[in-house]
Amino acid sequence: MFCSNPMFERSLFVGAHLDDIELAAGGTAARLVNAGAQVRFLVMSTSEYTSYNGRHFRDADVAVAEGREAAATLGVKEIDILRFPAKDVENHSAVVESINKVVDDFRPTMVFTHWPFDTHRSHANTALATIAASRYYNSVVMYEPIVPSGRSYVGFRPQLYISIDDTIEQKLQALRQHRSEYEKYGEQWIEGVEARSRYRGYEMRTRHGEAFEVSRLEGTLA
């Protein structure tokens, strides 16, 4: 059984926005829940934002409701949603300490967070702040970014692969719960996420997979 490894018994997933965790690791989160692990989501913003041209996206109450529905679709009951600005989550003490508070309360055996070379600055800063806040914990892995935020000058290096054959449909359904984002990007959004899972699954000789880059990882022996 996947969760027989105590490294995953208490897994904390940190995302800058509502939908980030589902995009990168929804299948893994659902699989952990199904295996009996304690899973907690921490989202840094309500994900409401306005673009440079004045166009407004995702009212906060709508995004939060969608995020809670998406988490429930994955079986996740614990979700903390903070109120840092969606476009401007920073790597400073207030952000670090807000994550630190959750980390110290939950005492995770595994922390999942963004990749620090993500081209979305809130993603990158969330990654750096999470790594800092988790400094006393030995297992931190980072999400594979997806277009458009993942088009970095540094290549993502997949090092940890997890099969999500049994939870891919939960992952895709969770993404559809983010109706405001689904209306923005359309079914091609879902197809792109599913295609990436097929590619990572092919690499690991399963049908669907999710990949992560390791910041640090504590090995456990039975």
C-alpha atoms as a PDB file:
ATOM      1  CA  MET A   1       0.000   0.000   0.000  1.00  0.00           C
ATOM      2  CA  PHE A   2       1.381   3.380  -1.009  1.00  0.00           C
ATOM      3  CA  CYS A   3       1.027   5.017   2.407  1.00  0.00           C
ATOM      4  CA  SER A   4       2.769   2.169   4.238  1.00  0.00           C
ATOM      5  CA  ASN A   5       5.833   4.398   3.897  1.00  0.00           C
ATOM      6  CA  PRO A   6       5.658   6.717   6.933  1.00  0.00           C
ATOM      7  CA  MET A   7       7.208   9.485   4.820  1.00  0.00           C
ATOM      8  CA  PHE A   8       3.713  10.241   3.458  1.00  0.00           C
ATOM      9  CA  GLU A   9       1.612   9.796   6.616  1.00  0.00           C
ATOM     10  CA  ARG A  10       1.019  13.546   7.047  1.00  0.00           C
ATOM     11  CA  SER A  11       1.276  15.335   3.721  1.00  0.00           C
ATOM     12  CA  LEU A  12       0.995  19.109   3.408  1.00  0.00           C
ATOM     13  CA  PHE A  13       0.323  20.595  -0.037  1.00  0.00           C
ATOM     14  CA  VAL A  14       1.048  24.331  -0.416  1.00  0.00           C
ATOM     15  CA  GLY A  15      -0.257  26.362  -3.356  1.00  0.00           C
ATOM     16  CA  ALA A  16      -0.207  30.043  -4.218  1.00  0.00           C
ATOM     17  CA  HIS A  17      -3.714  29.927  -5.723  1.00  0.00           C
ATOM     18  CA  LEU A  18      -6.881  27.910  -5.643  1.00  0.00           C
ATOM     19  CA  ASP A  19      -6.370  25.267  -8.394  1.00  0.00           C
ATOM     20  CA  ASP A  20      -2.538  25.116  -8.233  1.00  0.00           C
ATOM     21  CA  ILE A  21      -2.463  21.989  -6.072  1.00  0.00           C
ATOM     22  CA  GLU A  22      -5.047  20.168  -8.163  1.00  0.00           C
ATOM     23  CA  LEU A  23      -3.182  21.009 -11.382  1.00  0.00           C
ATOM     24  CA  ALA A  24       0.165  19.703 -10.194  1.00  0.00           C
ATOM     25  CA  ALA A  25      -0.644  17.074  -7.596  1.00  0.00           C
ATOM     26  CA  GLY A  26      -4.373  16.394  -7.431  1.00  0.00           C
ATOM     27  CA  GLY A  27      -3.943  12.738  -8.301  1.00  0.00           C
ATOM     28  CA  THR A  28      -1.277  12.261  -5.655  1.00  0.00           C
ATOM     29  CA  ALA A  29      -3.379  14.028  -3.009  1.00  0.00           C
ATOM     30  CA  ALA A  30      -6.388  11.844  -3.782  1.00  0.00           C
ATOM     31  CA  ARG A  31      -4.265   8.711  -3.730  1.00  0.00           C
ATOM     32  CA  LEU A  32      -2.857   9.633  -0.335  1.00  0.00           C
ATOM     33  CA  VAL A  33      -6.342  10.269   1.046  1.00  0.00           C
ATOM     34  CA  ASN A  34      -7.509   6.921  -0.300  1.00  0.00           C
ATOM     35  CA  ALA A  35      -4.525   5.252   1.370  1.00  0.00           C
ATOM     36  CA  GLY A  36      -5.419   6.685   4.764  1.00  0.00           C
ATOM     37  CA  ALA A  37      -2.881   9.504   4.987  1.00  0.00           C
ATOM     38  CA  GLN A  38      -3.610  12.827   6.659  1.00  0.00           C
ATOM     39  CA  VAL A  39      -3.695  15.402   3.865  1.00  0.00           C
ATOM     40  CA  ARG A  40      -3.913  19.159   4.351  1.00  0.00           C
ATOM     41  CA  PHE A  41      -4.015  21.952   1.769  1.00  0.00           C
ATOM     42  CA  LEU A  42      -2.619  25.432   2.391  1.00  0.00           C
ATOM     43  CA  VAL A  43      -3.465  28.081  -0.227  1.00  0.00           C
ATOM     44  CA  MET A  44      -1.802  31.475   0.057  1.00  0.00           C
ATOM     45  CA  SER A  45      -4.490  33.631  -1.605  1.00  0.00           C
ATOM     46  CA  THR A  46      -8.189  33.784  -2.411  1.00  0.00           C
ATOM     47  CA  SER A  47      -7.054  33.995  -6.052  1.00  0.00           C
ATOM     48  CA  GLU A  48      -9.030  37.111  -6.977  1.00  0.00           C
ATOM     49  CA  TYR A  49      -7.118  39.392  -9.344  1.00  0.00           C
ATOM     50  CA  THR A  50      -7.365  42.189 -11.892  1.00  0.00           C
ATOM     51  CA  SER A  51      -5.177  42.302 -15.001  1.00  0.00           C
ATOM     52  CA  TYR A  52      -3.183  45.300 -16.276  1.00  0.00           C
ATOM     53  CA  ASN A  53      -6.030  46.224 -18.627  1.00  0.00           C
ATOM     54  CA  GLY A  54      -8.580  46.408 -15.816  1.00  0.00           C
ATOM     55  CA  ARG A  55     -10.251  43.082 -16.529  1.00  0.00           C
ATOM     56  CA  HIS A  56     -11.338  41.410 -13.305  1.00  0.00           C
ATOM     57  CA  PHE A  57     -11.054  37.657 -12.774  1.00  0.00           C
ATOM     58  CA  ARG A  58     -12.441  35.299 -10.143  1.00  0.00           C
ATOM     59  CA  ASP A  59     -14.226  37.054  -7.307  1.00  0.00           C
ATOM     60  CA  ALA A  60     -12.793  35.870  -4.010  1.00  0.00           C
ATOM     61  CA  ASP A  61     -15.968  34.239  -2.738  1.00  0.00           C
ATOM     62  CA  VAL A  62     -16.416  32.366  -6.021  1.00  0.00           C
ATOM     63  CA  ALA A  63     -12.813  31.133  -6.100  1.00  0.00           C
ATOM     64  CA  VAL A  64     -12.928  30.012  -2.466  1.00  0.00           C
ATOM     65  CA  ALA A  65     -16.176  28.092  -2.964  1.00  0.00           C
ATOM     66  CA  GLU A  66     -14.756  26.409  -6.067  1.00  0.00           C
ATOM     67  CA  GLY A  67     -11.534  25.571  -4.222  1.00  0.00           C
ATOM     68  CA  ARG A  68     -13.386  23.926  -1.369  1.00  0.00           C
ATOM     69  CA  GLU A  69     -15.469  21.883  -3.815  1.00  0.00           C
ATOM     70  CA  ALA A  70     -12.319  20.802  -5.656  1.00  0.00           C
ATOM     71  CA  ALA A  71     -10.604  19.730  -2.425  1.00  0.00           C
ATOM     72  CA  ALA A  72     -13.690  17.767  -1.406  1.00  0.00           C
ATOM     73  CA  THR A  73     -13.662  16.012  -4.794  1.00  0.00           C
ATOM     74  CA  LEU A  74     -10.179  14.755  -3.920  1.00  0.00           C
ATOM     75  CA  GLY A  75     -11.346  13.735  -0.444  1.00  0.00           C
ATOM     76  CA  VAL A  76      -9.366  16.478   1.291  1.00  0.00           C
ATOM     77  CA  LYS A  77     -11.168  17.870   4.336  1.00  0.00           C
ATOM     78  CA  GLU A  78      -8.526  20.241   5.703  1.00  0.00           C
ATOM     79  CA  ILE A  79      -7.883  23.367   3.647  1.00  0.00           C
ATOM     80  CA  ASP A  80      -6.478  26.665   4.892  1.00  0.00           C
ATOM     81  CA  ILE A  81      -6.947  29.695   2.626  1.00  0.00           C
ATOM     82  CA  LEU A  82      -4.895  32.791   3.422  1.00  0.00           C
ATOM     83  CA  ARG A  83      -5.360  36.304   2.024  1.00  0.00           C
ATOM     84  CA  PHE A  84      -2.101  37.387   0.463  1.00  0.00           C
ATOM     85  CA  PRO A  85      -2.518  39.177  -2.911  1.00  0.00           C
ATOM     86  CA  ALA A  86      -2.893  36.634  -5.699  1.00  0.00           C
ATOM     87  CA  LYS A  87      -0.356  38.338  -7.981  1.00  0.00           C
ATOM     88  CA  ASP A  88       2.018  39.354  -5.215  1.00  0.00           C
ATOM     89  CA  VAL A  89       2.690  36.535  -2.783  1.00  0.00           C
ATOM     90  CA  GLU A  90       6.160  37.508  -1.591  1.00  0.00           C
ATOM     91  CA  ASN A  91       9.053  35.640  -0.057  1.00  0.00           C
ATOM     92  CA  HIS A  92       9.191  37.710   3.109  1.00  0.00           C
ATOM     93  CA  SER A  93       8.793  37.057   6.830  1.00  0.00           C
ATOM     94  CA  ALA A  94       4.998  37.427   6.982  1.00  0.00           C
ATOM     95  CA  VAL A  95       4.543  34.778   4.281  1.00  0.00           C
ATOM     96  CA  VAL A  96       7.193  32.467   5.724  1.00  0.00           C
ATOM     97  CA  GLU A  97       5.710  32.698   9.205  1.00  0.00           C
ATOM     98  CA  SER A  98       2.162  32.086   7.981  1.00  0.00           C
ATOM     99  CA  ILE A  99       3.373  28.833   6.430  1.00  0.00           C
ATOM    100  CA  ASN A 100       5.543  28.130   9.469  1.00  0.00           C
ATOM    101  CA  LYS A 101       2.449  28.295  11.692  1.00  0.00           C
ATOM    102  CA  VAL A 102       0.651  25.637   9.662  1.00  0.00           C
ATOM    103  CA  VAL A 103       3.779  23.484   9.390  1.00  0.00           C
ATOM    104  CA  ASP A 104       4.356  23.529  13.123  1.00  0.00           C
ATOM    105  CA  ASP A 105       0.700  22.755  13.805  1.00  0.00           C
ATOM    106  CA  PHE A 106       0.458  19.911  11.282  1.00  0.00           C
ATOM    107  CA  ARG A 107       4.018  18.578  11.615  1.00  0.00           C
ATOM    108  CA  PRO A 108       4.103  17.115   8.088  1.00  0.00           C
ATOM    109  CA  THR A 109       6.187  14.136   7.120  1.00  0.00           C
ATOM    110  CA  MET A 110       6.085  15.378   3.516  1.00  0.00           C
ATOM    111  CA  VAL A 111       5.695  18.887   2.111  1.00  0.00           C
ATOM    112  CA  PHE A 112       4.653  19.539  -1.492  1.00  0.00           C
ATOM    113  CA  THR A 113       5.116  23.034  -2.903  1.00  0.00           C
ATOM    114  CA  HIS A 114       5.818  25.029  -6.060  1.00  0.00           C
ATOM    115  CA  TRP A 115       9.015  24.985  -8.077  1.00  0.00           C
ATOM    116  CA  PRO A 116      11.213  28.055  -7.407  1.00  0.00           C
ATOM    117  CA  PHE A 117      11.962  28.610 -11.125  1.00  0.00           C
ATOM    118  CA  ASP A 118       8.291  28.892 -12.053  1.00  0.00           C
ATOM    119  CA  THR A 119       7.737  32.021 -14.156  1.00  0.00           C
ATOM    120  CA  HIS A 120       4.752  33.043 -12.042  1.00  0.00           C
ATOM    121  CA  ARG A 121       6.374  35.106  -9.298  1.00  0.00           C
ATOM    122  CA  SER A 122       3.745  34.150  -6.697  1.00  0.00           C
ATOM    123  CA  HIS A 123       4.460  30.479  -7.408  1.00  0.00           C
ATOM    124  CA  ALA A 124       8.221  30.988  -7.163  1.00  0.00           C
ATOM    125  CA  ASN A 125       7.960  33.034  -3.975  1.00  0.00           C
ATOM    126  CA  THR A 126       5.607  30.502  -2.405  1.00  0.00           C
ATOM    127  CA  ALA A 127       8.191  27.817  -3.137  1.00  0.00           C
ATOM    128  CA  LEU A 128      11.002  29.766  -1.478  1.00  0.00           C
ATOM    129  CA  ALA A 129       8.855  30.698   1.512  1.00  0.00           C
ATOM    130  CA  THR A 130       7.714  27.092   1.966  1.00  0.00           C
ATOM    131  CA  ILE A 131      11.277  25.774   1.835  1.00  0.00           C
ATOM    132  CA  ALA A 132      12.236  28.334   4.485  1.00  0.00           C
ATOM    133  CA  ALA A 133       9.212  27.566   6.664  1.00  0.00           C
ATOM    134  CA  SER A 134       9.941  23.831   6.417  1.00  0.00           C
ATOM    135  CA  ARG A 135      13.605  24.205   7.372  1.00  0.00           C
ATOM    136  CA  TYR A 136      13.316  21.741  10.272  1.00  0.00           C
ATOM    137  CA  TYR A 137      11.552  19.115   8.145  1.00  0.00           C
ATOM    138  CA  ASN A 138      13.436  16.721   5.931  1.00  0.00           C
ATOM    139  CA  SER A 139      11.118  15.955   3.019  1.00  0.00           C
ATOM    140  CA  VAL A 140      10.142  18.722   0.595  1.00  0.00           C
ATOM    141  CA  VAL A 141       9.253  18.112  -3.055  1.00  0.00           C
ATOM    142  CA  MET A 142       8.198  20.562  -5.757  1.00  0.00           C
ATOM    143  CA  TYR A 143       5.412  20.589  -8.331  1.00  0.00           C
ATOM    144  CA  GLU A 144       5.969  20.350 -12.045  1.00  0.00           C
ATOM    145  CA  PRO A 145       4.723  23.667 -13.501  1.00  0.00           C
ATOM    146  CA  ILE A 146       2.385  23.789 -16.447  1.00  0.00           C
ATOM    147  CA  VAL A 147       2.017  26.294 -19.306  1.00  0.00           C
ATOM    148  CA  PRO A 148       1.845  29.250 -19.221  1.00  0.00           C
ATOM    149  CA  SER A 149       3.541  29.647 -15.832  1.00  0.00           C
ATOM    150  CA  GLY A 150       6.107  26.933 -16.373  1.00  0.00           C
ATOM    151  CA  ARG A 151       8.025  28.323 -19.348  1.00  0.00           C
ATOM    152  CA  SER A 152      11.207  29.018 -17.441  1.00  0.00           C
ATOM    153  CA  TYR A 153      14.833  29.453 -18.449  1.00  0.00           C
ATOM    154  CA  VAL A 154      15.611  26.461 -16.207  1.00  0.00           C
ATOM    155  CA  GLY A 155      14.512  22.920 -17.003  1.00  0.00           C
ATOM    156  CA  PHE A 156      12.292  21.065 -14.542  1.00  0.00           C
ATOM    157  CA  ARG A 157      14.023  17.873 -13.359  1.00  0.00           C
ATOM    158  CA  PRO A 158      11.511  15.141 -12.467  1.00  0.00           C
ATOM    159  CA  GLN A 159      12.967  12.958  -9.721  1.00  0.00           C
ATOM    160  CA  LEU A 160       9.969  11.548  -7.866  1.00  0.00           C
ATOM    161  CA  TYR A 161       7.227   9.832  -9.864  1.00  0.00           C
ATOM    162  CA  ILE A 162       3.851   8.783  -8.469  1.00  0.00           C
ATOM    163  CA  SER A 163       1.319   6.730 -10.402  1.00  0.00           C
ATOM    164  CA  ILE A 164      -2.177   8.220 -10.425  1.00  0.00           C
ATOM    165  CA  ASP A 165      -3.892   5.577 -12.542  1.00  0.00           C
ATOM    166  CA  ASP A 166      -6.634   5.151  -9.943  1.00  0.00           C
ATOM    167  CA  THR A 167      -7.170   8.857  -9.269  1.00  0.00           C
ATOM    168  CA  ILE A 168      -6.770  10.635 -12.613  1.00  0.00           C
ATOM    169  CA  GLU A 169     -10.534  11.051 -12.981  1.00  0.00           C
ATOM    170  CA  GLN A 170     -10.773  12.580  -9.502  1.00  0.00           C
ATOM    171  CA  LYS A 171      -7.998  15.005 -10.456  1.00  0.00           C
ATOM    172  CA  LEU A 172      -9.714  16.099 -13.673  1.00  0.00           C
ATOM    173  CA  GLN A 173     -13.085  16.395 -11.972  1.00  0.00           C
ATOM    174  CA  ALA A 174     -11.512  18.516  -9.236  1.00  0.00           C
ATOM    175  CA  LEU A 175     -10.182  20.877 -11.907  1.00  0.00           C
ATOM    176  CA  ARG A 176     -13.649  21.156 -13.437  1.00  0.00           C
ATOM    177  CA  GLN A 177     -14.916  22.306 -10.036  1.00  0.00           C
ATOM    178  CA  HIS A 178     -12.916  25.496 -10.665  1.00  0.00           C
ATOM    179  CA  ARG A 179     -15.656  26.648 -13.005  1.00  0.00           C
ATOM    180  CA  SER A 180     -14.406  30.216 -13.345  1.00  0.00           C
ATOM    181  CA  GLU A 181     -11.037  28.921 -14.576  1.00  0.00           C
ATOM    182  CA  TYR A 182     -12.649  26.251 -16.722  1.00  0.00           C
ATOM    183  CA  GLU A 183     -14.743  28.921 -18.460  1.00  0.00           C
ATOM    184  CA  LYS A 184     -11.570  30.925 -19.066  1.00  0.00           C
ATOM    185  CA  TYR A 185      -9.442  28.112 -20.543  1.00  0.00           C
ATOM    186  CA  GLY A 186     -12.001  25.571 -21.786  1.00  0.00           C
ATOM    187  CA  GLU A 187     -11.759  21.827 -22.210  1.00  0.00           C
ATOM    188  CA  GLN A 188      -8.300  22.213 -23.767  1.00  0.00           C
ATOM    189  CA  TRP A 189      -7.091  23.045 -20.237  1.00  0.00           C
ATOM    190  CA  ILE A 190      -8.269  19.645 -18.990  1.00  0.00           C
ATOM    191  CA  GLU A 191      -6.887  17.892 -22.049  1.00  0.00           C
ATOM    192  CA  GLY A 192      -3.460  19.462 -21.542  1.00  0.00           C
ATOM    193  CA  VAL A 193      -3.304  18.365 -17.910  1.00  0.00           C
ATOM    194  CA  GLU A 194      -4.426  14.856 -18.839  1.00  0.00           C
ATOM    195  CA  ALA A 195      -1.836  14.695 -21.632  1.00  0.00           C
ATOM    196  CA  ARG A 196       0.954  15.591 -19.239  1.00  0.00           C
ATOM    197  CA  SER A 197      -0.172  12.875 -16.845  1.00  0.00           C
ATOM    198  CA  ARG A 198      -0.078  10.404 -19.732  1.00  0.00           C
ATOM    199  CA  TYR A 199       3.466  11.472 -20.590  1.00  0.00           C
ATOM    200  CA  ARG A 200       4.707  11.099 -17.015  1.00  0.00           C
ATOM    201  CA  GLY A 201       2.867   7.801 -16.768  1.00  0.00           C
ATOM    202  CA  TYR A 202       4.587   6.580 -19.923  1.00  0.00           C
ATOM    203  CA  GLU A 203       7.972   7.446 -18.417  1.00  0.00           C
ATOM    204  CA  MET A 204       7.240   5.341 -15.347  1.00  0.00           C
ATOM    205  CA  ARG A 205       5.478   2.538 -17.241  1.00  0.00           C
ATOM    206  CA  THR A 206       1.991   3.256 -15.971  1.00  0.00           C
ATOM    207  CA  ARG A 207      -0.870   5.028 -17.702  1.00  0.00           C
ATOM    208  CA  HIS A 208      -0.980   8.238 -15.675  1.00  0.00           C
ATOM    209  CA  GLY A 209       1.566   9.845 -13.392  1.00  0.00           C
ATOM    210  CA  GLU A 210       2.644  13.005 -11.612  1.00  0.00           C
ATOM    211  CA  ALA A 211       6.269  14.073 -11.286  1.00  0.00           C
ATOM    212  CA  PHE A 212       8.048  16.177  -8.683  1.00  0.00           C
ATOM    213  CA  GLU A 213      11.493  17.651  -8.232  1.00  0.00           C
ATOM    214  CA  VAL A 214      13.132  16.928  -4.895  1.00  0.00           C
ATOM    215  CA  SER A 215      14.378  19.702  -2.657  1.00  0.00           C
ATOM    216  CA  ARG A 216      15.296  17.217   0.056  1.00  0.00           C
ATOM    217  CA  LEU A 217      14.007  13.789   0.952  1.00  0.00           C
ATOM    218  CA  GLU A 218      14.352  11.714   4.099  1.00  0.00           C
ATOM    219  CA  GLY A 219      14.624   7.996   3.506  1.00  0.00           C
ATOM    220  CA  THR A 220      12.878   5.653   5.914  1.00  0.00           C
ATOM    221  CA  LEU A 221      13.677   2.039   6.673  1.00  0.00           C
ATOM    222  CA  ALA A 222      11.102  -0.402   8.015  1.00  0.00           C
END
